[in-house]
Amino acid sequence: MATSELPRQECAATVLGGPTAVIDMGGLRIVSDPTFDEAGPHGYLTKTRGPARTEDAVGSVDLVLVSHDLHPDNLDERGRAFAKASPLILTGPLTAARLGSPAVGLAPWDSHSVARGDGEGDLSVLAVPAVHGPEDGDRDADGHVNCEVTGFVLSGRGLPTVYVSGDNASLRVVAEISRRVPDVTAALLNAGAARVPTKFDGRPLSLDSRRAAAAAAVLRADVVVPAHYDGWAHFSEGGADLELAFHEAGLSSLLRTAAHGSWVDLRP
């Protein structure tokens, strides 16, 4: 694990492992789904690799995005402490109620503005839907498959429009996002085809590689940064599967599979 501090970028993202990414844009440092625990068992899930950078290397952050808090592969113990120490967490309403301050809950299609660090106005954070499993999966008392999950769209004057999917397995949802937000520039897609044998007959709980490629096509994104495809034993597809799926779809030029901890420019 590298310990050197991540230098600030103008408009770039780096995946640290699992679903965790650092996004620098608009003079802000944003972290999505922080997971900083070392490898080992986490209840019914097993983490196979620690993060490429520690919390200290990430440094101070302005905003943490939490797609959901009930699964340790998206918010583990050290990730939870990291998020709670940040100035602001944006997440879904149910998750925000469990996390408490500084979490703000956003229902799908609600937005929140954050003052940019570069003095160029605000960064808009739009909450978007996600379905954490098959469309026909049993829904909980709140109407969610598996649990409440929130995706996000980040945008602002002079910035690319960036979609952060969270654990979404639904192409129907991606199509709805594309219809409402037709100018997505970059997509940070949780892929990996996460599977748990006891849930939904073992069907994927997140995008598999072919659906990730299809999502990229539907969004008409110029840049695709995959996450959530390694570091945990229940991810059934990895980087090679993603590269093959994008190649077969003729979309290899969009895919950015940089080594964890390496920056990817979010501008086309």
C-alpha atoms as a PDB file:
ATOM      1  CA  MET A   1       0.000   0.000   0.000  1.00  0.00           C
ATOM      2  CA  ALA A   2       1.429   3.359  -1.025  1.00  0.00           C
ATOM      3  CA  THR A   3       1.491   6.035   1.678  1.00  0.00           C
ATOM      4  CA  SER A   4       2.507   9.142  -0.297  1.00  0.00           C
ATOM      5  CA  GLU A   5      -0.142  11.870  -0.309  1.00  0.00           C
ATOM      6  CA  LEU A   6      -2.336  12.125  -3.376  1.00  0.00           C
ATOM      7  CA  PRO A   7      -1.604  15.455  -5.077  1.00  0.00           C
ATOM      8  CA  ARG A   8      -4.583  17.639  -5.915  1.00  0.00           C
ATOM      9  CA  GLN A   9      -5.794  17.439  -9.514  1.00  0.00           C
ATOM     10  CA  GLU A  10      -7.737  19.868 -11.674  1.00  0.00           C
ATOM     11  CA  CYS A  11     -10.322  17.390 -12.927  1.00  0.00           C
ATOM     12  CA  ALA A  12      -9.510  13.713 -12.404  1.00  0.00           C
ATOM     13  CA  ALA A  13     -10.443  10.568 -10.499  1.00  0.00           C
ATOM     14  CA  THR A  14      -8.577   7.639  -9.044  1.00  0.00           C
ATOM     15  CA  VAL A  15      -9.990   4.347  -7.778  1.00  0.00           C
ATOM     16  CA  LEU A  16      -8.355   3.122  -4.571  1.00  0.00           C
ATOM     17  CA  GLY A  17      -9.851  -0.382  -4.659  1.00  0.00           C
ATOM     18  CA  GLY A  18     -13.324  -1.827  -4.257  1.00  0.00           C
ATOM     19  CA  PRO A  19     -15.860   0.966  -4.822  1.00  0.00           C
ATOM     20  CA  THR A  20     -13.718   3.730  -3.334  1.00  0.00           C
ATOM     21  CA  ALA A  21     -12.722   6.611  -5.594  1.00  0.00           C
ATOM     22  CA  VAL A  22     -11.248  10.067  -5.103  1.00  0.00           C
ATOM     23  CA  ILE A  23     -12.639  12.713  -7.457  1.00  0.00           C
ATOM     24  CA  ASP A  24     -10.986  16.118  -7.740  1.00  0.00           C
ATOM     25  CA  MET A  25     -13.040  18.709  -9.617  1.00  0.00           C
ATOM     26  CA  GLY A  26     -13.993  22.332  -9.168  1.00  0.00           C
ATOM     27  CA  GLY A  27     -11.335  22.780  -6.512  1.00  0.00           C
ATOM     28  CA  LEU A  28     -13.021  20.134  -4.339  1.00  0.00           C
ATOM     29  CA  ARG A  29     -11.833  16.726  -3.180  1.00  0.00           C
ATOM     30  CA  ILE A  30     -14.674  14.205  -3.171  1.00  0.00           C
ATOM     31  CA  VAL A  31     -14.530  10.577  -1.997  1.00  0.00           C
ATOM     32  CA  SER A  32     -17.159   8.016  -2.961  1.00  0.00           C
ATOM     33  CA  ASP A  33     -17.995   4.933  -0.875  1.00  0.00           C
ATOM     34  CA  PRO A  34     -14.929   5.031   1.427  1.00  0.00           C
ATOM     35  CA  THR A  35     -13.540   1.611   2.398  1.00  0.00           C
ATOM     36  CA  PHE A  36     -10.173   1.735   4.154  1.00  0.00           C
ATOM     37  CA  ASP A  37     -10.117  -1.465   6.260  1.00  0.00           C
ATOM     38  CA  GLU A  38      -7.387  -4.015   5.656  1.00  0.00           C
ATOM     39  CA  ALA A  39      -8.129  -7.366   4.040  1.00  0.00           C
ATOM     40  CA  GLY A  40     -10.078  -9.908   6.063  1.00  0.00           C
ATOM     41  CA  PRO A  41     -13.599 -11.121   6.874  1.00  0.00           C
ATOM     42  CA  HIS A  42     -16.400  -8.604   7.256  1.00  0.00           C
ATOM     43  CA  GLY A  43     -19.425 -10.590   8.345  1.00  0.00           C
ATOM     44  CA  TYR A  44     -20.637 -12.650   5.382  1.00  0.00           C
ATOM     45  CA  LEU A  45     -18.269 -10.851   2.979  1.00  0.00           C
ATOM     46  CA  THR A  46     -14.485 -11.187   2.657  1.00  0.00           C
ATOM     47  CA  LYS A  47     -12.160  -8.373   1.682  1.00  0.00           C
ATOM     48  CA  THR A  48      -9.185  -9.727  -0.268  1.00  0.00           C
ATOM     49  CA  ARG A  49      -7.085  -6.588  -0.653  1.00  0.00           C
ATOM     50  CA  GLY A  50      -6.623  -3.325   1.225  1.00  0.00           C
ATOM     51  CA  PRO A  51      -6.836   0.118  -0.397  1.00  0.00           C
ATOM     52  CA  ALA A  52      -4.119   1.532  -2.654  1.00  0.00           C
ATOM     53  CA  ARG A  53      -3.970   4.643  -0.435  1.00  0.00           C
ATOM     54  CA  THR A  54      -4.754   5.210   3.234  1.00  0.00           C
ATOM     55  CA  GLU A  55      -6.987   7.873   4.724  1.00  0.00           C
ATOM     56  CA  ASP A  56      -3.922   9.948   5.568  1.00  0.00           C
ATOM     57  CA  ALA A  57      -2.771   9.851   1.954  1.00  0.00           C
ATOM     58  CA  VAL A  58      -6.179  11.046   0.774  1.00  0.00           C
ATOM     59  CA  GLY A  59      -5.872  14.014   3.123  1.00  0.00           C
ATOM     60  CA  SER A  60      -8.634  16.503   3.819  1.00  0.00           C
ATOM     61  CA  VAL A  61     -11.826  16.124   1.831  1.00  0.00           C
ATOM     62  CA  ASP A  62     -14.705  18.456   1.090  1.00  0.00           C
ATOM     63  CA  LEU A  63     -17.443  15.924   0.391  1.00  0.00           C
ATOM     64  CA  VAL A  64     -18.103  12.203   0.838  1.00  0.00           C
ATOM     65  CA  LEU A  65     -20.677  10.378  -1.294  1.00  0.00           C
ATOM     66  CA  VAL A  66     -22.139   7.253   0.313  1.00  0.00           C
ATOM     67  CA  SER A  67     -24.282   5.144  -1.988  1.00  0.00           C
ATOM     68  CA  HIS A  68     -25.392   2.982   0.951  1.00  0.00           C
ATOM     69  CA  ASP A  69     -24.234   2.096   4.450  1.00  0.00           C
ATOM     70  CA  LEU A  70     -25.606  -1.399   5.109  1.00  0.00           C
ATOM     71  CA  HIS A  71     -22.932  -3.398   3.240  1.00  0.00           C
ATOM     72  CA  PRO A  72     -19.296  -3.363   4.406  1.00  0.00           C
ATOM     73  CA  ASP A  73     -17.920  -3.483   0.860  1.00  0.00           C
ATOM     74  CA  ASN A  74     -19.291   0.034   0.375  1.00  0.00           C
ATOM     75  CA  LEU A  75     -18.777   1.498   3.843  1.00  0.00           C
ATOM     76  CA  ASP A  76     -16.481  -0.378   6.233  1.00  0.00           C
ATOM     77  CA  GLU A  77     -15.416   0.627   9.755  1.00  0.00           C
ATOM     78  CA  ARG A  78     -12.549   2.921   8.825  1.00  0.00           C
ATOM     79  CA  GLY A  79     -14.519   4.263   5.879  1.00  0.00           C
ATOM     80  CA  ARG A  80     -17.395   5.141   8.198  1.00  0.00           C
ATOM     81  CA  ALA A  81     -15.057   6.997  10.558  1.00  0.00           C
ATOM     82  CA  PHE A  82     -13.504   8.809   7.584  1.00  0.00           C
ATOM     83  CA  ALA A  83     -16.925   9.864   6.281  1.00  0.00           C
ATOM     84  CA  LYS A  84     -18.154  11.011   9.681  1.00  0.00           C
ATOM     85  CA  ALA A  85     -15.048  13.205  10.078  1.00  0.00           C
ATOM     86  CA  SER A  86     -15.702  14.977   6.758  1.00  0.00           C
ATOM     87  CA  PRO A  87     -17.518  18.315   6.463  1.00  0.00           C
ATOM     88  CA  LEU A  88     -20.405  16.815   4.486  1.00  0.00           C
ATOM     89  CA  ILE A  89     -21.827  13.433   3.505  1.00  0.00           C
ATOM     90  CA  LEU A  90     -24.433  13.189   0.762  1.00  0.00           C
ATOM     91  CA  THR A  91     -26.449   9.986   0.623  1.00  0.00           C
ATOM     92  CA  GLY A  92     -30.017   8.668   0.581  1.00  0.00           C
ATOM     93  CA  PRO A  93     -32.561   9.712   3.237  1.00  0.00           C
ATOM     94  CA  LEU A  94     -32.611   6.391   5.121  1.00  0.00           C
ATOM     95  CA  THR A  95     -28.824   6.149   5.111  1.00  0.00           C
ATOM     96  CA  ALA A  96     -28.506   9.743   6.309  1.00  0.00           C
ATOM     97  CA  ALA A  97     -30.821   9.025   9.237  1.00  0.00           C
ATOM     98  CA  ARG A  98     -28.636   6.095  10.298  1.00  0.00           C
ATOM     99  CA  LEU A  99     -25.338   7.933   9.840  1.00  0.00           C
ATOM    100  CA  GLY A 100     -26.365  11.171  11.522  1.00  0.00           C
ATOM    101  CA  SER A 101     -24.410  14.409  11.214  1.00  0.00           C
ATOM    102  CA  PRO A 102     -22.858  15.514   8.852  1.00  0.00           C
ATOM    103  CA  ALA A 103     -24.984  13.392   6.497  1.00  0.00           C
ATOM    104  CA  VAL A 104     -27.640  15.034   4.321  1.00  0.00           C
ATOM    105  CA  GLY A 105     -30.231  12.764   2.743  1.00  0.00           C
ATOM    106  CA  LEU A 106     -31.280  13.269  -0.861  1.00  0.00           C
ATOM    107  CA  ALA A 107     -34.215  11.493  -2.468  1.00  0.00           C
ATOM    108  CA  PRO A 108     -33.810  10.570  -6.145  1.00  0.00           C
ATOM    109  CA  TRP A 109     -33.756  13.665  -8.384  1.00  0.00           C
ATOM    110  CA  ASP A 110     -33.118  16.019  -5.455  1.00  0.00           C
ATOM    111  CA  SER A 111     -29.957  18.109  -5.667  1.00  0.00           C
ATOM    112  CA  HIS A 112     -27.556  19.811  -3.274  1.00  0.00           C
ATOM    113  CA  SER A 113     -25.117  22.633  -4.059  1.00  0.00           C
ATOM    114  CA  VAL A 114     -21.587  22.776  -2.659  1.00  0.00           C
ATOM    115  CA  ALA A 115     -19.442  25.913  -2.955  1.00  0.00           C
ATOM    116  CA  ARG A 116     -16.506  25.149  -5.220  1.00  0.00           C
ATOM    117  CA  GLY A 117     -12.964  25.555  -4.021  1.00  0.00           C
ATOM    118  CA  ASP A 118     -11.883  27.268  -7.230  1.00  0.00           C
ATOM    119  CA  GLY A 119     -14.229  30.212  -6.713  1.00  0.00           C
ATOM    120  CA  GLU A 120     -16.252  29.425  -9.854  1.00  0.00           C
ATOM    121  CA  GLY A 121     -19.659  29.086  -8.229  1.00  0.00           C
ATOM    122  CA  ASP A 122     -21.211  25.852  -6.988  1.00  0.00           C
ATOM    123  CA  LEU A 123     -20.884  22.156  -7.697  1.00  0.00           C
ATOM    124  CA  SER A 124     -24.321  20.623  -8.159  1.00  0.00           C
ATOM    125  CA  VAL A 125     -24.805  17.104  -6.782  1.00  0.00           C
ATOM    126  CA  LEU A 126     -27.908  15.392  -8.141  1.00  0.00           C
ATOM    127  CA  ALA A 127     -29.105  12.202  -6.440  1.00  0.00           C
ATOM    128  CA  VAL A 128     -30.199   9.547  -8.926  1.00  0.00           C
ATOM    129  CA  PRO A 129     -31.829   6.127  -8.498  1.00  0.00           C
ATOM    130  CA  ALA A 130     -30.049   2.790  -8.263  1.00  0.00           C
ATOM    131  CA  VAL A 131     -31.333  -0.783  -8.103  1.00  0.00           C
ATOM    132  CA  HIS A 132     -29.054  -3.066  -6.077  1.00  0.00           C
ATOM    133  CA  GLY A 133     -30.019  -6.324  -7.764  1.00  0.00           C
ATOM    134  CA  PRO A 134     -32.304  -7.755 -10.448  1.00  0.00           C
ATOM    135  CA  GLU A 135     -35.353  -5.730 -11.451  1.00  0.00           C
ATOM    136  CA  ASP A 136     -37.710  -8.494 -10.298  1.00  0.00           C
ATOM    137  CA  GLY A 137     -36.008  -8.940  -6.935  1.00  0.00           C
ATOM    138  CA  ASP A 138     -38.106  -8.809  -3.779  1.00  0.00           C
ATOM    139  CA  ARG A 139     -38.386  -5.293  -2.411  1.00  0.00           C
ATOM    140  CA  ASP A 140     -38.118  -4.283   1.220  1.00  0.00           C
ATOM    141  CA  ALA A 141     -40.697  -2.301   3.191  1.00  0.00           C
ATOM    142  CA  ASP A 142     -39.344   0.920   1.674  1.00  0.00           C
ATOM    143  CA  GLY A 143     -39.619  -0.365  -1.899  1.00  0.00           C
ATOM    144  CA  HIS A 144     -35.919  -1.048  -2.462  1.00  0.00           C
ATOM    145  CA  VAL A 145     -34.253  -4.109  -3.983  1.00  0.00           C
ATOM    146  CA  ASN A 146     -31.718  -5.267  -1.380  1.00  0.00           C
ATOM    147  CA  CYS A 147     -31.557  -1.833   0.300  1.00  0.00           C
ATOM    148  CA  GLU A 148     -31.665   1.895  -0.427  1.00  0.00           C
ATOM    149  CA  VAL A 149     -28.845   2.814  -2.824  1.00  0.00           C
ATOM    150  CA  THR A 150     -28.179   6.253  -4.271  1.00  0.00           C
ATOM    151  CA  GLY A 151     -26.176   7.284  -7.328  1.00  0.00           C
ATOM    152  CA  PHE A 152     -24.986  10.808  -8.016  1.00  0.00           C
ATOM    153  CA  VAL A 153     -24.396  13.197 -10.911  1.00  0.00           C
ATOM    154  CA  LEU A 154     -21.812  15.950 -10.362  1.00  0.00           C
ATOM    155  CA  SER A 155     -21.847  19.060 -12.552  1.00  0.00           C
ATOM    156  CA  GLY A 156     -20.940  22.717 -12.642  1.00  0.00           C
ATOM    157  CA  ARG A 157     -19.967  25.569 -14.939  1.00  0.00           C
ATOM    158  CA  GLY A 158     -16.954  24.620 -17.026  1.00  0.00           C
ATOM    159  CA  LEU A 159     -16.799  21.112 -15.542  1.00  0.00           C
ATOM    160  CA  PRO A 160     -17.549  17.724 -17.053  1.00  0.00           C
ATOM    161  CA  THR A 161     -20.777  16.080 -15.933  1.00  0.00           C
ATOM    162  CA  VAL A 162     -19.801  13.009 -13.920  1.00  0.00           C
ATOM    163  CA  TYR A 163     -22.130  10.095 -13.087  1.00  0.00           C
ATOM    164  CA  VAL A 164     -21.220   8.041  -9.994  1.00  0.00           C
ATOM    165  CA  SER A 165     -23.359   4.916 -10.182  1.00  0.00           C
ATOM    166  CA  GLY A 166     -23.194   3.310  -6.748  1.00  0.00           C
ATOM    167  CA  ASP A 167     -24.242  -0.328  -6.702  1.00  0.00           C
ATOM    168  CA  ASN A 168     -26.731  -0.233  -9.549  1.00  0.00           C
ATOM    169  CA  ALA A 169     -27.533  -3.293 -11.673  1.00  0.00           C
ATOM    170  CA  SER A 170     -30.355  -1.773 -13.719  1.00  0.00           C
ATOM    171  CA  LEU A 171     -30.008  -0.612 -17.314  1.00  0.00           C
ATOM    172  CA  ARG A 172     -33.536   0.785 -17.053  1.00  0.00           C
ATOM    173  CA  VAL A 173     -32.247   3.168 -14.386  1.00  0.00           C
ATOM    174  CA  VAL A 174     -29.264   4.102 -16.557  1.00  0.00           C
ATOM    175  CA  ALA A 175     -31.623   4.886 -19.442  1.00  0.00           C
ATOM    176  CA  GLU A 176     -33.737   7.110 -17.181  1.00  0.00           C
ATOM    177  CA  ILE A 177     -30.629   8.973 -16.006  1.00  0.00           C
ATOM    178  CA  SER A 178     -29.507   9.444 -19.607  1.00  0.00           C
ATOM    179  CA  ARG A 179     -32.915  10.825 -20.536  1.00  0.00           C
ATOM    180  CA  ARG A 180     -32.924  13.327 -17.678  1.00  0.00           C
ATOM    181  CA  VAL A 181     -29.193  14.138 -17.838  1.00  0.00           C
ATOM    182  CA  PRO A 182     -28.304  13.876 -21.540  1.00  0.00           C
ATOM    183  CA  ASP A 183     -24.823  15.376 -21.245  1.00  0.00           C
ATOM    184  CA  VAL A 184     -22.920  12.876 -19.078  1.00  0.00           C
ATOM    185  CA  THR A 185     -19.222  13.261 -19.887  1.00  0.00           C
ATOM    186  CA  ALA A 186     -17.668  10.700 -17.544  1.00  0.00           C
ATOM    187  CA  ALA A 187     -19.112   7.685 -15.728  1.00  0.00           C
ATOM    188  CA  LEU A 188     -17.688   6.051 -12.628  1.00  0.00           C
ATOM    189  CA  LEU A 189     -19.404   2.656 -12.867  1.00  0.00           C
ATOM    190  CA  ASN A 190     -19.514   0.076 -10.100  1.00  0.00           C
ATOM    191  CA  ALA A 191     -19.141  -3.177 -12.010  1.00  0.00           C
ATOM    192  CA  GLY A 192     -17.752  -6.555 -10.912  1.00  0.00           C
ATOM    193  CA  ALA A 193     -21.053  -8.463 -11.050  1.00  0.00           C
ATOM    194  CA  ALA A 194     -21.196  -8.772  -7.272  1.00  0.00           C
ATOM    195  CA  ARG A 195     -22.960 -11.992  -6.284  1.00  0.00           C
ATOM    196  CA  VAL A 196     -24.085 -13.468  -2.963  1.00  0.00           C
ATOM    197  CA  PRO A 197     -25.483 -17.020  -3.319  1.00  0.00           C
ATOM    198  CA  THR A 198     -28.244 -16.429  -0.770  1.00  0.00           C
ATOM    199  CA  LYS A 199     -29.567 -13.318  -2.526  1.00  0.00           C
ATOM    200  CA  PHE A 200     -31.727 -13.357  -5.674  1.00  0.00           C
ATOM    201  CA  ASP A 201     -30.556 -16.845  -6.729  1.00  0.00           C
ATOM    202  CA  GLY A 202     -26.986 -15.568  -6.968  1.00  0.00           C
ATOM    203  CA  ARG A 203     -27.823 -13.114  -9.736  1.00  0.00           C
ATOM    204  CA  PRO A 204     -25.667  -9.967 -10.014  1.00  0.00           C
ATOM    205  CA  LEU A 205     -26.190  -7.208  -7.467  1.00  0.00           C
ATOM    206  CA  SER A 206     -24.176  -4.722  -9.533  1.00  0.00           C
ATOM    207  CA  LEU A 207     -23.405  -4.278 -13.220  1.00  0.00           C
ATOM    208  CA  ASP A 208     -21.688  -7.166 -14.941  1.00  0.00           C
ATOM    209  CA  SER A 209     -19.106  -6.285 -17.580  1.00  0.00           C
ATOM    210  CA  ARG A 210     -21.432  -6.422 -20.586  1.00  0.00           C
ATOM    211  CA  ARG A 211     -24.052  -4.308 -18.869  1.00  0.00           C
ATOM    212  CA  ALA A 212     -21.327  -1.829 -17.879  1.00  0.00           C
ATOM    213  CA  ALA A 213     -20.442  -1.489 -21.558  1.00  0.00           C
ATOM    214  CA  ALA A 214     -24.128  -1.130 -22.409  1.00  0.00           C
ATOM    215  CA  ALA A 215     -24.499   1.532 -19.712  1.00  0.00           C
ATOM    216  CA  ALA A 216     -21.590   3.462 -21.216  1.00  0.00           C
ATOM    217  CA  ALA A 217     -23.285   3.359 -24.613  1.00  0.00           C
ATOM    218  CA  VAL A 218     -26.661   4.446 -23.228  1.00  0.00           C
ATOM    219  CA  LEU A 219     -25.065   7.340 -21.329  1.00  0.00           C
ATOM    220  CA  ARG A 220     -22.981   8.335 -24.359  1.00  0.00           C
ATOM    221  CA  ALA A 221     -20.116   8.954 -21.948  1.00  0.00           C
ATOM    222  CA  ASP A 222     -16.681   9.920 -23.260  1.00  0.00           C
ATOM    223  CA  VAL A 223     -14.785   8.479 -20.280  1.00  0.00           C
ATOM    224  CA  VAL A 224     -15.628   5.384 -18.208  1.00  0.00           C
ATOM    225  CA  VAL A 225     -13.792   4.677 -14.965  1.00  0.00           C
ATOM    226  CA  PRO A 226     -14.687   1.240 -13.563  1.00  0.00           C
ATOM    227  CA  ALA A 227     -14.766   0.530  -9.826  1.00  0.00           C
ATOM    228  CA  HIS A 228     -16.042  -2.190  -7.496  1.00  0.00           C
ATOM    229  CA  TYR A 229     -14.566  -5.051  -9.528  1.00  0.00           C
ATOM    230  CA  ASP A 230     -11.759  -6.240  -7.243  1.00  0.00           C
ATOM    231  CA  GLY A 231     -10.734  -6.395  -3.614  1.00  0.00           C
ATOM    232  CA  TRP A 232     -13.696  -8.481  -2.406  1.00  0.00           C
ATOM    233  CA  ALA A 233     -14.364 -12.199  -2.837  1.00  0.00           C
ATOM    234  CA  HIS A 234     -17.986 -11.753  -3.984  1.00  0.00           C
ATOM    235  CA  PHE A 235     -17.027  -9.820  -7.111  1.00  0.00           C
ATOM    236  CA  SER A 236     -17.427 -12.407  -9.873  1.00  0.00           C
ATOM    237  CA  GLU A 237     -15.882 -10.417 -12.760  1.00  0.00           C
ATOM    238  CA  GLY A 238     -12.646  -8.451 -12.906  1.00  0.00           C
ATOM    239  CA  GLY A 239     -10.648  -6.079 -15.049  1.00  0.00           C
ATOM    240  CA  ALA A 240     -10.036  -8.585 -17.856  1.00  0.00           C
ATOM    241  CA  ASP A 241     -13.797  -9.197 -18.176  1.00  0.00           C
ATOM    242  CA  LEU A 242     -14.417  -5.454 -18.419  1.00  0.00           C
ATOM    243  CA  GLU A 243     -11.757  -4.984 -21.071  1.00  0.00           C
ATOM    244  CA  LEU A 244     -13.189  -7.855 -23.136  1.00  0.00           C
ATOM    245  CA  ALA A 245     -16.767  -6.587 -22.861  1.00  0.00           C
ATOM    246  CA  PHE A 246     -15.814  -3.061 -23.910  1.00  0.00           C
ATOM    247  CA  HIS A 247     -13.691  -4.459 -26.744  1.00  0.00           C
ATOM    248  CA  GLU A 248     -16.553  -6.609 -28.029  1.00  0.00           C
ATOM    249  CA  ALA A 249     -18.877  -3.593 -27.855  1.00  0.00           C
ATOM    250  CA  GLY A 250     -16.382  -1.434 -29.777  1.00  0.00           C
ATOM    251  CA  LEU A 251     -16.020   0.895 -26.792  1.00  0.00           C
ATOM    252  CA  SER A 252     -12.455   0.189 -25.650  1.00  0.00           C
ATOM    253  CA  SER A 253     -11.461   3.808 -26.246  1.00  0.00           C
ATOM    254  CA  LEU A 254     -13.800   4.897 -23.439  1.00  0.00           C
ATOM    255  CA  LEU A 255     -12.526   2.541 -20.741  1.00  0.00           C
ATOM    256  CA  ARG A 256      -9.891   3.780 -18.275  1.00  0.00           C
ATOM    257  CA  THR A 257      -8.536   0.888 -16.202  1.00  0.00           C
ATOM    258  CA  ALA A 258      -5.581   2.668 -14.610  1.00  0.00           C
ATOM    259  CA  ALA A 259      -3.753   1.057 -11.702  1.00  0.00           C
ATOM    260  CA  HIS A 260      -5.410   1.824  -8.381  1.00  0.00           C
ATOM    261  CA  GLY A 261      -4.091   5.079  -6.993  1.00  0.00           C
ATOM    262  CA  SER A 262      -3.330   6.443 -10.498  1.00  0.00           C
ATOM    263  CA  TRP A 263      -5.249   9.438 -11.816  1.00  0.00           C
ATOM    264  CA  VAL A 264      -7.598   9.422 -14.813  1.00  0.00           C
ATOM    265  CA  ASP A 265      -8.540  12.723 -16.455  1.00  0.00           C
ATOM    266  CA  LEU A 266     -12.339  13.104 -16.488  1.00  0.00           C
ATOM    267  CA  ARG A 267     -12.335  15.478 -19.438  1.00  0.00           C
ATOM    268  CA  PRO A 268     -12.793  13.990 -22.920  1.00  0.00           C
END
